[in-house]
C-alpha cells in the first residue's frame, strides 16, 4: 500500500520548498511516521462515523501535514493531505450504508474544504 500511496502523492507534483517538486526521498520518512496513525484512525470508522470523529481525523491529518512544512510549500501540503485521506478512505473502508457518506466525501471537493476548516481549527492564527 505504501508504494501506491507514494506514487499517488508524487503524481500531484506538489511544490517543494527547495524548488521543483517533492520527491519520494522527501515523502517516504513522512509517510513512515504519519501513515500508521492516520490508517488506524480511518480503520476505526469501518462501522460508521460521527462528524466529531471525522473532524478529529481531519485535525490529525492537518497536524501530520504540518510536519511537511520544511519540505513542501503551503497549499501543496493541504493537497497532499486531502489526497492521502481520500485514498485511505477508498482503500480501507468497505462501502456500506454506514460508510457511504465517507466515500462520497472522499470523492468530492468537499474533503478539501473540510481539511481547510480543520486547519483553521488547529491553527486559528495561521
PDB file of N, CA and C in Angstrom:
ATOM      1  N   UNK A   1       0.828  -1.196   0.000  1.00  0.00           N
ATOM      2  CA  UNK A   1       0.000   0.000   0.000  1.00  0.00           C
ATOM      3  C   UNK A   1       0.868   1.254   0.000  1.00  0.00           C
ATOM      4  N   UNK A   2       1.977   1.237   0.727  1.00  0.00           N
ATOM      5  CA  UNK A   2       2.815   2.439   0.796  1.00  0.00           C
ATOM      6  C   UNK A   2       3.313   2.885  -0.570  1.00  0.00           C
ATOM      7  N   UNK A   3       3.667   1.932  -1.424  1.00  0.00           N
ATOM      8  CA  UNK A   3       4.151   2.291  -2.755  1.00  0.00           C
ATOM      9  C   UNK A   3       3.038   2.952  -3.561  1.00  0.00           C
ATOM     10  N   UNK A   4       1.830   2.424  -3.477  1.00  0.00           N
ATOM     11  CA  UNK A   4       0.703   3.013  -4.207  1.00  0.00           C
ATOM     12  C   UNK A   4       0.405   4.420  -3.690  1.00  0.00           C
ATOM     13  N   UNK A   5       0.453   4.593  -2.384  1.00  0.00           N
ATOM     14  CA  UNK A   5       0.210   5.919  -1.802  1.00  0.00           C
ATOM     15  C   UNK A   5       1.295   6.893  -2.250  1.00  0.00           C
ATOM     16  N   UNK A   6       2.525   6.468  -2.157  1.00  0.00           N
ATOM     17  CA  UNK A   6       3.642   7.329  -2.555  1.00  0.00           C
ATOM     18  C   UNK A   6       3.520   7.723  -4.028  1.00  0.00           C
ATOM     19  N   UNK A   7       3.189   6.766  -4.878  1.00  0.00           N
ATOM     20  CA  UNK A   7       3.022   7.050  -6.306  1.00  0.00           C
ATOM     21  C   UNK A   7       1.902   8.058  -6.529  1.00  0.00           C
ATOM     22  N   UNK A   8       0.799   7.881  -5.817  1.00  0.00           N
ATOM     23  CA  UNK A   8      -0.332   8.807  -5.928  1.00  0.00           C
ATOM     24  C   UNK A   8       0.078  10.210  -5.504  1.00  0.00           C
ATOM     25  N   UNK A   9       0.762  10.317  -4.378  1.00  0.00           N
ATOM     26  CA  UNK A   9       1.160  11.632  -3.880  1.00  0.00           C
ATOM     27  C   UNK A   9       2.184  12.297  -4.801  1.00  0.00           C
ATOM     28  N   UNK A  10       3.118  11.515  -5.326  1.00  0.00           N
ATOM     29  CA  UNK A  10       4.115  12.082  -6.240  1.00  0.00           C
ATOM     30  C   UNK A  10       3.472  12.572  -7.538  1.00  0.00           C
ATOM     31  N   UNK A  11       2.397  11.924  -7.959  1.00  0.00           N
ATOM     32  CA  UNK A  11       1.733  12.325  -9.202  1.00  0.00           C
ATOM     33  C   UNK A  11       1.086  13.706  -9.097  1.00  0.00           C
ATOM     34  N   UNK A  12       0.942  14.208  -7.877  1.00  0.00           N
ATOM     35  CA  UNK A  12       0.355  15.534  -7.686  1.00  0.00           C
ATOM     36  C   UNK A  12       1.334  16.653  -8.023  1.00  0.00           C
ATOM     37  N   UNK A  13       2.619  16.303  -8.130  1.00  0.00           N
ATOM     38  CA  UNK A  13       3.663  17.292  -8.439  1.00  0.00           C
ATOM     39  C   UNK A  13       3.629  18.475  -7.469  1.00  0.00           C
ATOM     40  N   UNK A  14       3.534  18.174  -6.179  1.00  0.00           N
ATOM     41  CA  UNK A  14       3.495  19.216  -5.152  1.00  0.00           C
ATOM     42  C   UNK A  14       4.798  19.994  -5.131  1.00  0.00           C
ATOM     43  N   UNK A  15       4.673  21.289  -4.964  1.00  0.00           N
ATOM     44  CA  UNK A  15       5.843  22.173  -4.971  1.00  0.00           C
ATOM     45  C   UNK A  15       6.697  21.969  -3.726  1.00  0.00           C
ATOM     46  N   UNK A  16       7.965  21.726  -3.947  1.00  0.00           N
ATOM     47  CA  UNK A  16       8.914  21.569  -2.841  1.00  0.00           C
ATOM     48  C   UNK A  16       9.493  22.931  -2.474  1.00  0.00           C
ATOM     49  N   UNK A  17       9.809  23.097  -1.215  1.00  0.00           N
ATOM     50  CA  UNK A  17      10.368  24.350  -0.724  1.00  0.00           C
ATOM     51  C   UNK A  17      11.718  24.658  -1.384  1.00  0.00           C
ATOM     52  N   UNK A  18      12.477  23.617  -1.688  1.00  0.00           N
ATOM     53  CA  UNK A  18      13.799  23.801  -2.285  1.00  0.00           C
ATOM     54  C   UNK A  18      13.729  24.021  -3.797  1.00  0.00           C
ATOM     55  N   UNK A  19      12.524  24.080  -4.336  1.00  0.00           N
ATOM     56  CA  UNK A  19      12.345  24.229  -5.777  1.00  0.00           C
ATOM     57  C   UNK A  19      11.980  22.898  -6.394  1.00  0.00           C
ATOM     58  N   UNK A  20      11.355  22.952  -7.527  1.00  0.00           N
ATOM     59  CA  UNK A  20      10.929  21.722  -8.187  1.00  0.00           C
ATOM     60  C   UNK A  20       9.740  21.106  -7.474  1.00  0.00           C
ATOM     61  N   UNK A  21       9.614  19.804  -7.606  1.00  0.00           N
ATOM     62  CA  UNK A  21       8.511  19.100  -6.960  1.00  0.00           C
ATOM     63  C   UNK A  21       9.051  18.158  -5.894  1.00  0.00           C
ATOM     64  N   UNK A  22       8.184  17.810  -4.988  1.00  0.00           N
ATOM     65  CA  UNK A  22       8.567  16.935  -3.890  1.00  0.00           C
ATOM     66  C   UNK A  22       8.961  15.562  -4.444  1.00  0.00           C
ATOM     67  N   UNK A  23       9.912  14.920  -3.774  1.00  0.00           N
ATOM     68  CA  UNK A  23      10.437  13.633  -4.235  1.00  0.00           C
ATOM     69  C   UNK A  23      10.065  12.510  -3.277  1.00  0.00           C
ATOM     70  N   UNK A  24      10.256  11.295  -3.734  1.00  0.00           N
ATOM     71  CA  UNK A  24       9.996  10.123  -2.895  1.00  0.00           C
ATOM     72  C   UNK A  24      10.877  10.153  -1.646  1.00  0.00           C
ATOM     73  N   UNK A  25      12.128  10.589  -1.799  1.00  0.00           N
ATOM     74  CA  UNK A  25      13.033  10.661  -0.649  1.00  0.00           C
ATOM     75  C   UNK A  25      12.531  11.637   0.408  1.00  0.00           C
ATOM     76  N   UNK A  26      11.809  12.661  -0.018  1.00  0.00           N
ATOM     77  CA  UNK A  26      11.271  13.637   0.929  1.00  0.00           C
ATOM     78  C   UNK A  26       9.978  13.143   1.579  1.00  0.00           C
ATOM     79  N   UNK A  27       9.145  12.427   0.834  1.00  0.00           N
ATOM     80  CA  UNK A  27       7.850  11.986   1.361  1.00  0.00           C
ATOM     81  C   UNK A  27       7.906  10.687   2.161  1.00  0.00           C
ATOM     82  N   UNK A  28       8.827   9.814   1.830  1.00  0.00           N
ATOM     83  CA  UNK A  28       8.861   8.493   2.479  1.00  0.00           C
ATOM     84  C   UNK A  28       9.011   8.574   3.994  1.00  0.00           C
ATOM     85  N   UNK A  29       9.935   9.357   4.544  1.00  0.00           N
ATOM     86  CA  UNK A  29      10.035   9.421   6.010  1.00  0.00           C
ATOM     87  C   UNK A  29       8.746   9.963   6.655  1.00  0.00           C
ATOM     88  N   UNK A  30       8.105  10.920   5.987  1.00  0.00           N
ATOM     89  CA  UNK A  30       6.853  11.483   6.491  1.00  0.00           C
ATOM     90  C   UNK A  30       5.762  10.415   6.502  1.00  0.00           C
ATOM     91  N   UNK A  31       5.651   9.661   5.419  1.00  0.00           N
ATOM     92  CA  UNK A  31       4.661   8.589   5.373  1.00  0.00           C
ATOM     93  C   UNK A  31       4.948   7.539   6.435  1.00  0.00           C
ATOM     94  N   UNK A  32       6.224   7.166   6.591  1.00  0.00           N
ATOM     95  CA  UNK A  32       6.585   6.169   7.604  1.00  0.00           C
ATOM     96  C   UNK A  32       6.166   6.609   9.000  1.00  0.00           C
ATOM     97  N   UNK A  33       6.232   7.903   9.261  1.00  0.00           N
ATOM     98  CA  UNK A  33       5.882   8.439  10.575  1.00  0.00           C
ATOM     99  C   UNK A  33       4.379   8.582  10.767  1.00  0.00           C
ATOM    100  N   UNK A  34       3.681   9.126   9.780  1.00  0.00           N
ATOM    101  CA  UNK A  34       2.289   9.528   9.967  1.00  0.00           C
ATOM    102  C   UNK A  34       1.247   8.565   9.409  1.00  0.00           C
ATOM    103  N   UNK A  35       1.606   7.747   8.457  1.00  0.00           N
ATOM    104  CA  UNK A  35       0.634   6.846   7.852  1.00  0.00           C
ATOM    105  C   UNK A  35       0.026   5.857   8.849  1.00  0.00           C
ATOM    106  N   UNK A  36       0.797   5.232   9.738  1.00  0.00           N
ATOM    107  CA  UNK A  36       0.180   4.281  10.670  1.00  0.00           C
ATOM    108  C   UNK A  36      -0.941   4.894  11.520  1.00  0.00           C
ATOM    109  N   UNK A  37      -0.732   6.088  12.007  1.00  0.00           N
ATOM    110  CA  UNK A  37      -1.746   6.747  12.834  1.00  0.00           C
ATOM    111  C   UNK A  37      -2.989   7.095  12.015  1.00  0.00           C
ATOM    112  N   UNK A  38      -2.792   7.671  10.845  1.00  0.00           N
ATOM    113  CA  UNK A  38      -3.940   8.032  10.006  1.00  0.00           C
ATOM    114  C   UNK A  38      -4.688   6.780   9.550  1.00  0.00           C
ATOM    115  N   UNK A  39      -3.938   5.757   9.230  1.00  0.00           N
ATOM    116  CA  UNK A  39      -4.561   4.492   8.820  1.00  0.00           C
ATOM    117  C   UNK A  39      -5.431   3.925   9.938  1.00  0.00           C
ATOM    118  N   UNK A  40      -4.915   3.894  11.156  1.00  0.00           N
ATOM    119  CA  UNK A  40      -5.695   3.330  12.259  1.00  0.00           C
ATOM    120  C   UNK A  40      -6.918   4.183  12.569  1.00  0.00           C
ATOM    121  N   UNK A  41      -6.808   5.496  12.421  1.00  0.00           N
ATOM    122  CA  UNK A  41      -7.970   6.369  12.639  1.00  0.00           C
ATOM    123  C   UNK A  41      -9.063   6.092  11.607  1.00  0.00           C
ATOM    124  N   UNK A  42      -8.658   5.883  10.371  1.00  0.00           N
ATOM    125  CA  UNK A  42      -9.644   5.609   9.317  1.00  0.00           C
ATOM    126  C   UNK A  42     -10.229   4.210   9.484  1.00  0.00           C
ATOM    127  N   UNK A  43      -9.414   3.253   9.830  1.00  0.00           N
ATOM    128  CA  UNK A  43      -9.937   1.897  10.052  1.00  0.00           C
ATOM    129  C   UNK A  43     -10.951   1.867  11.191  1.00  0.00           C
ATOM    130  N   UNK A  44     -10.810   2.762  12.148  1.00  0.00           N
ATOM    131  CA  UNK A  44     -11.754   2.826  13.265  1.00  0.00           C
ATOM    132  C   UNK A  44     -13.142   3.297  12.805  1.00  0.00           C
ATOM    133  N   UNK A  45     -13.230   3.813  11.592  1.00  0.00           N
ATOM    134  CA  UNK A  45     -14.507   4.306  11.068  1.00  0.00           C
ATOM    135  C   UNK A  45     -15.250   3.250  10.245  1.00  0.00           C
ATOM    136  N   UNK A  46     -14.783   2.011  10.264  1.00  0.00           N
ATOM    137  CA  UNK A  46     -15.373   0.942   9.454  1.00  0.00           C
ATOM    138  C   UNK A  46     -16.865   0.729   9.697  1.00  0.00           C
ATOM    139  N   UNK A  47     -17.302   0.941  10.903  1.00  0.00           N
ATOM    140  CA  UNK A  47     -18.712   0.721  11.233  1.00  0.00           C
ATOM    141  C   UNK A  47     -19.525   2.001  11.172  1.00  0.00           C
ATOM    142  N   UNK A  48     -18.955   3.035  10.602  1.00  0.00           N
ATOM    143  CA  UNK A  48     -19.618   4.326  10.517  1.00  0.00           C
ATOM    144  C   UNK A  48     -18.884   5.335  11.370  1.00  0.00           C
ATOM    145  N   UNK A  49     -19.248   6.595  11.213  1.00  0.00           N
ATOM    146  CA  UNK A  49     -18.541   7.656  11.922  1.00  0.00           C
ATOM    147  C   UNK A  49     -19.490   8.798  12.226  1.00  0.00           C
ATOM    148  N   UNK A  50     -19.129   9.530  13.253  1.00  0.00           N
ATOM    149  CA  UNK A  50     -19.841  10.773  13.558  1.00  0.00           C
ATOM    150  C   UNK A  50     -19.038  11.921  12.965  1.00  0.00           C
ATOM    151  N   UNK A  51     -19.659  13.086  12.898  1.00  0.00           N
ATOM    152  CA  UNK A  51     -18.928  14.260  12.425  1.00  0.00           C
ATOM    153  C   UNK A  51     -17.765  14.578  13.354  1.00  0.00           C
ATOM    154  N   UNK A  52     -17.926  14.326  14.644  1.00  0.00           N
ATOM    155  CA  UNK A  52     -16.842  14.587  15.599  1.00  0.00           C
ATOM    156  C   UNK A  52     -15.642  13.691  15.293  1.00  0.00           C
ATOM    157  N   UNK A  53     -15.901  12.425  14.974  1.00  0.00           N
ATOM    158  CA  UNK A  53     -14.802  11.509  14.643  1.00  0.00           C
ATOM    159  C   UNK A  53     -14.113  11.915  13.340  1.00  0.00           C
ATOM    160  N   UNK A  54     -14.891  12.335  12.369  1.00  0.00           N
ATOM    161  CA  UNK A  54     -14.312  12.795  11.107  1.00  0.00           C
ATOM    162  C   UNK A  54     -13.498  14.065  11.345  1.00  0.00           C
ATOM    163  N   UNK A  55     -14.031  14.974  12.152  1.00  0.00           N
ATOM    164  CA  UNK A  55     -13.287  16.190  12.478  1.00  0.00           C
ATOM    165  C   UNK A  55     -11.969  15.885  13.155  1.00  0.00           C
ATOM    166  N   UNK A  56     -11.984  14.940  14.075  1.00  0.00           N
ATOM    167  CA  UNK A  56     -10.761  14.541  14.768  1.00  0.00           C
ATOM    168  C   UNK A  56      -9.748  13.932  13.792  1.00  0.00           C
ATOM    169  N   UNK A  57     -10.224  13.099  12.875  1.00  0.00           N
ATOM    170  CA  UNK A  57      -9.358  12.522  11.846  1.00  0.00           C
ATOM    171  C   UNK A  57      -8.721  13.619  11.005  1.00  0.00           C
ATOM    172  N   UNK A  58      -9.521  14.570  10.569  1.00  0.00           N
ATOM    173  CA  UNK A  58      -9.005  15.631   9.705  1.00  0.00           C
ATOM    174  C   UNK A  58      -8.035  16.538  10.442  1.00  0.00           C
ATOM    175  N   UNK A  59      -8.281  16.786  11.724  1.00  0.00           N
ATOM    176  CA  UNK A  59      -7.337  17.578  12.508  1.00  0.00           C
ATOM    177  C   UNK A  59      -6.007  16.849  12.649  1.00  0.00           C
ATOM    178  N   UNK A  60      -6.057  15.527  12.853  1.00  0.00           N
ATOM    179  CA  UNK A  60      -4.822  14.734  12.918  1.00  0.00           C
ATOM    180  C   UNK A  60      -4.097  14.772  11.576  1.00  0.00           C
ATOM    181  N   UNK A  61      -4.855  14.731  10.484  1.00  0.00           N
ATOM    182  CA  UNK A  61      -4.246  14.790   9.151  1.00  0.00           C
ATOM    183  C   UNK A  61      -3.582  16.141   8.916  1.00  0.00           C
ATOM    184  N   UNK A  62      -4.220  17.209   9.360  1.00  0.00           N
ATOM    185  CA  UNK A  62      -3.648  18.554   9.218  1.00  0.00           C
ATOM    186  C   UNK A  62      -2.352  18.662  10.019  1.00  0.00           C
ATOM    187  N   UNK A  63      -2.362  18.127  11.234  1.00  0.00           N
ATOM    188  CA  UNK A  63      -1.135  18.167  12.044  1.00  0.00           C
ATOM    189  C   UNK A  63      -0.025  17.357  11.379  1.00  0.00           C
ATOM    190  N   UNK A  64      -0.380  16.224  10.783  1.00  0.00           N
ATOM    191  CA  UNK A  64       0.618  15.439  10.054  1.00  0.00           C
ATOM    192  C   UNK A  64       1.139  16.248   8.863  1.00  0.00           C
ATOM    193  N   UNK A  65       0.241  16.939   8.197  1.00  0.00           N
ATOM    194  CA  UNK A  65       0.639  17.771   7.066  1.00  0.00           C
ATOM    195  C   UNK A  65       1.603  18.870   7.460  1.00  0.00           C
ATOM    196  N   UNK A  66       1.427  19.410   8.660  1.00  0.00           N
ATOM    197  CA  UNK A  66       2.337  20.472   9.123  1.00  0.00           C
ATOM    198  C   UNK A  66       3.769  19.962   9.267  1.00  0.00           C
ATOM    199  N   UNK A  67       3.916  18.660   9.483  1.00  0.00           N
ATOM    200  CA  UNK A  67       5.268  18.097   9.573  1.00  0.00           C
ATOM    201  C   UNK A  67       6.006  18.193   8.233  1.00  0.00           C
ATOM    202  N   UNK A  68       5.255  18.419   7.155  1.00  0.00           N
ATOM    203  CA  UNK A  68       5.870  18.599   5.836  1.00  0.00           C
ATOM    204  C   UNK A  68       6.309  20.032   5.576  1.00  0.00           C
ATOM    205  N   UNK A  69       6.041  20.926   6.515  1.00  0.00           N
ATOM    206  CA  UNK A  69       6.312  22.354   6.303  1.00  0.00           C
ATOM    207  C   UNK A  69       7.756  22.640   5.883  1.00  0.00           C
ATOM    208  N   UNK A  70       8.764  21.970   6.440  1.00  0.00           N
ATOM    209  CA  UNK A  70      10.132  22.256   5.988  1.00  0.00           C
ATOM    210  C   UNK A  70      10.412  21.811   4.545  1.00  0.00           C
ATOM    211  N   UNK A  71       9.548  20.946   4.007  1.00  0.00           N
ATOM    212  CA  UNK A  71       9.810  20.350   2.703  1.00  0.00           C
ATOM    213  C   UNK A  71       8.859  20.842   1.612  1.00  0.00           C
ATOM    214  N   UNK A  72       7.573  21.010   1.955  1.00  0.00           N
ATOM    215  CA  UNK A  72       6.531  21.282   0.960  1.00  0.00           C
ATOM    216  C   UNK A  72       5.899  22.648   1.219  1.00  0.00           C
ATOM    217  N   UNK A  73       5.660  23.389   0.157  1.00  0.00           N
ATOM    218  CA  UNK A  73       5.040  24.707   0.267  1.00  0.00           C
ATOM    219  C   UNK A  73       3.583  24.614   0.714  1.00  0.00           C
ATOM    220  N   UNK A  74       3.061  25.703   1.289  1.00  0.00           N
ATOM    221  CA  UNK A  74       1.752  25.844   1.908  1.00  0.00           C
ATOM    222  C   UNK A  74       0.594  25.035   1.386  1.00  0.00           C
ATOM    223  N   UNK A  75      -0.051  25.496   0.329  1.00  0.00           N
ATOM    224  CA  UNK A  75      -1.268  24.825  -0.122  1.00  0.00           C
ATOM    225  C   UNK A  75      -0.992  23.430  -0.660  1.00  0.00           C
ATOM    226  N   UNK A  76       0.226  23.178  -1.085  1.00  0.00           N
ATOM    227  CA  UNK A  76       0.577  21.834  -1.546  1.00  0.00           C
ATOM    228  C   UNK A  76       0.475  20.820  -0.412  1.00  0.00           C
ATOM    229  N   UNK A  77       0.760  21.252   0.817  1.00  0.00           N
ATOM    230  CA  UNK A  77       0.609  20.343   1.962  1.00  0.00           C
ATOM    231  C   UNK A  77      -0.847  19.927   2.110  1.00  0.00           C
ATOM    232  N   UNK A  78      -1.755  20.881   1.979  1.00  0.00           N
ATOM    233  CA  UNK A  78      -3.181  20.570   2.065  1.00  0.00           C
ATOM    234  C   UNK A  78      -3.616  19.613   0.973  1.00  0.00           C
ATOM    235  N   UNK A  79      -3.085  19.810  -0.222  1.00  0.00           N
ATOM    236  CA  UNK A  79      -3.399  18.932  -1.338  1.00  0.00           C
ATOM    237  C   UNK A  79      -2.929  17.509  -1.055  1.00  0.00           C
ATOM    238  N   UNK A  80      -1.716  17.368  -0.552  1.00  0.00           N
ATOM    239  CA  UNK A  80      -1.190  16.039  -0.227  1.00  0.00           C
ATOM    240  C   UNK A  80      -2.030  15.363   0.845  1.00  0.00           C
ATOM    241  N   UNK A  81      -2.384  16.112   1.877  1.00  0.00           N
ATOM    242  CA  UNK A  81      -3.179  15.551   2.976  1.00  0.00           C
ATOM    243  C   UNK A  81      -4.561  15.136   2.471  1.00  0.00           C
ATOM    244  N   UNK A  82      -5.201  15.972   1.683  1.00  0.00           N
ATOM    245  CA  UNK A  82      -6.536  15.651   1.161  1.00  0.00           C
ATOM    246  C   UNK A  82      -6.494  14.377   0.316  1.00  0.00           C
ATOM    247  N   UNK A  83      -5.487  14.259  -0.533  1.00  0.00           N
ATOM    248  CA  UNK A  83      -5.386  13.061  -1.361  1.00  0.00           C
ATOM    249  C   UNK A  83      -5.071  11.823  -0.525  1.00  0.00           C
ATOM    250  N   UNK A  84      -4.235  11.976   0.481  1.00  0.00           N
ATOM    251  CA  UNK A  84      -3.916  10.839   1.338  1.00  0.00           C
ATOM    252  C   UNK A  84      -5.153  10.362   2.090  1.00  0.00           C
ATOM    253  N   UNK A  85      -5.888  11.269   2.696  1.00  0.00           N
ATOM    254  CA  UNK A  85      -7.096  10.878   3.435  1.00  0.00           C
ATOM    255  C   UNK A  85      -8.114  10.246   2.491  1.00  0.00           C
ATOM    256  N   UNK A  86      -8.335  10.849   1.339  1.00  0.00           N
ATOM    257  CA  UNK A  86      -9.266  10.280   0.368  1.00  0.00           C
ATOM    258  C   UNK A  86      -8.849   8.885  -0.075  1.00  0.00           C
ATOM    259  N   UNK A  87      -7.572   8.713  -0.343  1.00  0.00           N
ATOM    260  CA  UNK A  87      -7.050   7.418  -0.761  1.00  0.00           C
ATOM    261  C   UNK A  87      -7.287   6.367   0.327  1.00  0.00           C
ATOM    262  N   UNK A  88      -6.972   6.718   1.574  1.00  0.00           N
ATOM    263  CA  UNK A  88      -7.134   5.767   2.673  1.00  0.00           C
ATOM    264  C   UNK A  88      -8.601   5.394   2.894  1.00  0.00           C
ATOM    265  N   UNK A  89      -9.489   6.354   2.762  1.00  0.00           N
ATOM    266  CA  UNK A  89     -10.912   6.050   2.904  1.00  0.00           C
ATOM    267  C   UNK A  89     -11.332   5.057   1.819  1.00  0.00           C
ATOM    268  N   UNK A  90     -10.960   5.340   0.586  1.00  0.00           N
ATOM    269  CA  UNK A  90     -11.349   4.455  -0.518  1.00  0.00           C
ATOM    270  C   UNK A  90     -10.760   3.050  -0.363  1.00  0.00           C
ATOM    271  N   UNK A  91      -9.531   2.964   0.120  1.00  0.00           N
ATOM    272  CA  UNK A  91      -8.858   1.669   0.213  1.00  0.00           C
ATOM    273  C   UNK A  91      -9.199   0.873   1.471  1.00  0.00           C
ATOM    274  N   UNK A  92      -9.469   1.553   2.570  1.00  0.00           N
ATOM    275  CA  UNK A  92      -9.605   0.847   3.846  1.00  0.00           C
ATOM    276  C   UNK A  92     -11.037   0.642   4.324  1.00  0.00           C
ATOM    277  N   UNK A  93     -11.946   1.470   3.849  1.00  0.00           N
ATOM    278  CA  UNK A  93     -13.323   1.356   4.322  1.00  0.00           C
ATOM    279  C   UNK A  93     -14.194   0.667   3.285  1.00  0.00           C
ATOM    280  N   UNK A  94     -14.873  -0.408   3.688  1.00  0.00           N
ATOM    281  CA  UNK A  94     -15.810  -1.011   2.740  1.00  0.00           C
ATOM    282  C   UNK A  94     -16.983  -0.048   2.523  1.00  0.00           C
ATOM    283  N   UNK A  95     -17.570  -0.103   1.353  1.00  0.00           N
ATOM    284  CA  UNK A  95     -18.744   0.732   1.093  1.00  0.00           C
ATOM    285  C   UNK A  95     -19.960   0.020   1.672  1.00  0.00           C
ATOM    286  N   UNK A  96     -20.491   0.605   2.726  1.00  0.00           N
ATOM    287  CA  UNK A  96     -21.684   0.088   3.386  1.00  0.00           C
ATOM    288  C   UNK A  96     -22.624   1.273   3.604  1.00  0.00           C
ATOM    289  N   UNK A  97     -23.855   1.013   4.005  1.00  0.00           N
ATOM    290  CA  UNK A  97     -24.724   2.155   4.304  1.00  0.00           C
ATOM    291  C   UNK A  97     -24.124   3.100   5.354  1.00  0.00           C
ATOM    292  N   UNK A  98     -23.352   2.552   6.294  1.00  0.00           N
ATOM    293  CA  UNK A  98     -22.771   3.380   7.357  1.00  0.00           C
ATOM    294  C   UNK A  98     -21.559   4.191   6.893  1.00  0.00           C
ATOM    295  N   UNK A  99     -20.910   3.751   5.821  1.00  0.00           N
ATOM    296  CA  UNK A  99     -19.700   4.453   5.363  1.00  0.00           C
ATOM    297  C   UNK A  99     -19.862   5.129   4.001  1.00  0.00           C
ATOM    298  N   UNK A 100     -21.001   4.965   3.384  1.00  0.00           N
ATOM    299  CA  UNK A 100     -21.196   5.529   2.039  1.00  0.00           C
ATOM    300  C   UNK A 100     -20.964   7.034   2.022  1.00  0.00           C
ATOM    301  N   UNK A 101     -21.369   7.734   3.081  1.00  0.00           N
ATOM    302  CA  UNK A 101     -21.186   9.188   3.106  1.00  0.00           C
ATOM    303  C   UNK A 101     -19.712   9.566   3.189  1.00  0.00           C
ATOM    304  N   UNK A 102     -18.900   8.718   3.833  1.00  0.00           N
ATOM    305  CA  UNK A 102     -17.462   8.984   3.885  1.00  0.00           C
ATOM    306  C   UNK A 102     -16.843   8.828   2.497  1.00  0.00           C
ATOM    307  N   UNK A 103     -17.304   7.831   1.760  1.00  0.00           N
ATOM    308  CA  UNK A 103     -16.818   7.653   0.389  1.00  0.00           C
ATOM    309  C   UNK A 103     -17.239   8.825  -0.486  1.00  0.00           C
ATOM    310  N   UNK A 104     -18.449   9.311  -0.279  1.00  0.00           N
ATOM    311  CA  UNK A 104     -18.909  10.482  -1.052  1.00  0.00           C
ATOM    312  C   UNK A 104     -18.024  11.689  -0.759  1.00  0.00           C
ATOM    313  N   UNK A 105     -17.656  11.878   0.510  1.00  0.00           N
ATOM    314  CA  UNK A 105     -16.744  12.983   0.865  1.00  0.00           C
ATOM    315  C   UNK A 105     -15.390  12.807   0.194  1.00  0.00           C
ATOM    316  N   UNK A 106     -14.879  11.586   0.224  1.00  0.00           N
ATOM    317  CA  UNK A 106     -13.546  11.322  -0.324  1.00  0.00           C
ATOM    318  C   UNK A 106     -13.494  11.534  -1.826  1.00  0.00           C
ATOM    319  N   UNK A 107     -14.624  11.420  -2.494  1.00  0.00           N
ATOM    320  CA  UNK A 107     -14.650  11.534  -3.950  1.00  0.00           C
ATOM    321  C   UNK A 107     -15.125  12.903  -4.422  1.00  0.00           C
ATOM    322  N   UNK A 108     -15.225  13.833  -3.496  1.00  0.00           N
ATOM    323  CA  UNK A 108     -15.726  15.154  -3.872  1.00  0.00           C
ATOM    324  C   UNK A 108     -14.758  16.239  -3.413  1.00  0.00           C
ATOM    325  N   UNK A 109     -15.012  17.429  -3.848  1.00  0.00           N
ATOM    326  CA  UNK A 109     -14.209  18.566  -3.417  1.00  0.00           C
ATOM    327  C   UNK A 109     -14.504  18.985  -1.993  1.00  0.00           C
ATOM    328  N   UNK A 110     -15.525  18.396  -1.389  1.00  0.00           N
ATOM    329  CA  UNK A 110     -15.893  18.737  -0.014  1.00  0.00           C
ATOM    330  C   UNK A 110     -14.759  18.395   0.950  1.00  0.00           C
ATOM    331  N   UNK A 111     -14.045  17.322   0.678  1.00  0.00           N
ATOM    332  CA  UNK A 111     -12.956  16.906   1.563  1.00  0.00           C
ATOM    333  C   UNK A 111     -11.911  18.009   1.710  1.00  0.00           C
ATOM    334  N   UNK A 112     -11.566  18.661   0.624  1.00  0.00           N
ATOM    335  CA  UNK A 112     -10.582  19.755   0.690  1.00  0.00           C
ATOM    336  C   UNK A 112     -11.089  20.890   1.563  1.00  0.00           C
ATOM    337  N   UNK A 113     -12.367  21.207   1.443  1.00  0.00           N
ATOM    338  CA  UNK A 113     -12.953  22.254   2.289  1.00  0.00           C
ATOM    339  C   UNK A 113     -12.950  21.865   3.752  1.00  0.00           C
ATOM    340  N   UNK A 114     -13.210  20.603   4.047  1.00  0.00           N
ATOM    341  CA  UNK A 114     -13.187  20.137   5.437  1.00  0.00           C
ATOM    342  C   UNK A 114     -11.763  20.163   5.996  1.00  0.00           C
ATOM    343  N   UNK A 115     -10.788  19.878   5.152  1.00  0.00           N
ATOM    344  CA  UNK A 115      -9.393  19.938   5.603  1.00  0.00           C
ATOM    345  C   UNK A 115      -9.012  21.385   5.885  1.00  0.00           C
ATOM    346  N   UNK A 116      -9.460  22.295   5.055  1.00  0.00           N
ATOM    347  CA  UNK A 116      -9.205  23.724   5.296  1.00  0.00           C
ATOM    348  C   UNK A 116      -9.841  24.162   6.613  1.00  0.00           C
ATOM    349  N   UNK A 117     -11.056  23.717   6.881  1.00  0.00           N
ATOM    350  CA  UNK A 117     -11.726  24.056   8.145  1.00  0.00           C
ATOM    351  C   UNK A 117     -10.970  23.469   9.331  1.00  0.00           C
ATOM    352  N   UNK A 118     -10.480  22.241   9.180  1.00  0.00           N
ATOM    353  CA  UNK A 118      -9.701  21.615  10.255  1.00  0.00           C
ATOM    354  C   UNK A 118      -8.415  22.394  10.497  1.00  0.00           C
ATOM    355  N   UNK A 119      -7.779  22.854   9.418  1.00  0.00           N
ATOM    356  CA  UNK A 119      -6.562  23.654   9.556  1.00  0.00           C
ATOM    357  C   UNK A 119      -6.858  24.913  10.374  1.00  0.00           C
ATOM    358  N   UNK A 120      -7.960  25.557  10.089  1.00  0.00           N
ATOM    359  CA  UNK A 120      -8.313  26.791  10.803  1.00  0.00           C
ATOM    360  C   UNK A 120      -8.631  26.527  12.271  1.00  0.00           C
ATOM    361  N   UNK A 121      -9.139  25.330  12.581  1.00  0.00           N
ATOM    362  CA  UNK A 121      -9.386  24.968  13.987  1.00  0.00           C
ATOM    363  C   UNK A 121      -8.071  24.687  14.712  1.00  0.00           C
ATOM    364  N   UNK A 122      -7.182  23.966  14.058  1.00  0.00           N
ATOM    365  CA  UNK A 122      -5.913  23.575  14.683  1.00  0.00           C
ATOM    366  C   UNK A 122      -4.948  24.760  14.779  1.00  0.00           C
ATOM    367  N   UNK A 123      -4.939  25.594  13.753  1.00  0.00           N
ATOM    368  CA  UNK A 123      -4.035  26.741  13.694  1.00  0.00           C
ATOM    369  C   UNK A 123      -4.854  28.011  13.439  1.00  0.00           C
ATOM    370  N   UNK A 124      -5.582  28.485  14.448  1.00  0.00           N
ATOM    371  CA  UNK A 124      -6.516  29.600  14.236  1.00  0.00           C
ATOM    372  C   UNK A 124      -5.862  30.897  13.753  1.00  0.00           C
ATOM    373  N   UNK A 125      -4.631  31.128  14.068  1.00  0.00           N
ATOM    374  CA  UNK A 125      -3.979  32.364  13.633  1.00  0.00           C
ATOM    375  C   UNK A 125      -3.188  32.206  12.358  1.00  0.00           C
ATOM    376  N   UNK A 126      -3.114  30.963  11.838  1.00  0.00           N
ATOM    377  CA  UNK A 126      -2.203  30.676  10.753  1.00  0.00           C
ATOM    378  C   UNK A 126      -2.782  30.742   9.425  1.00  0.00           C
TER     379      UNK A 126
END
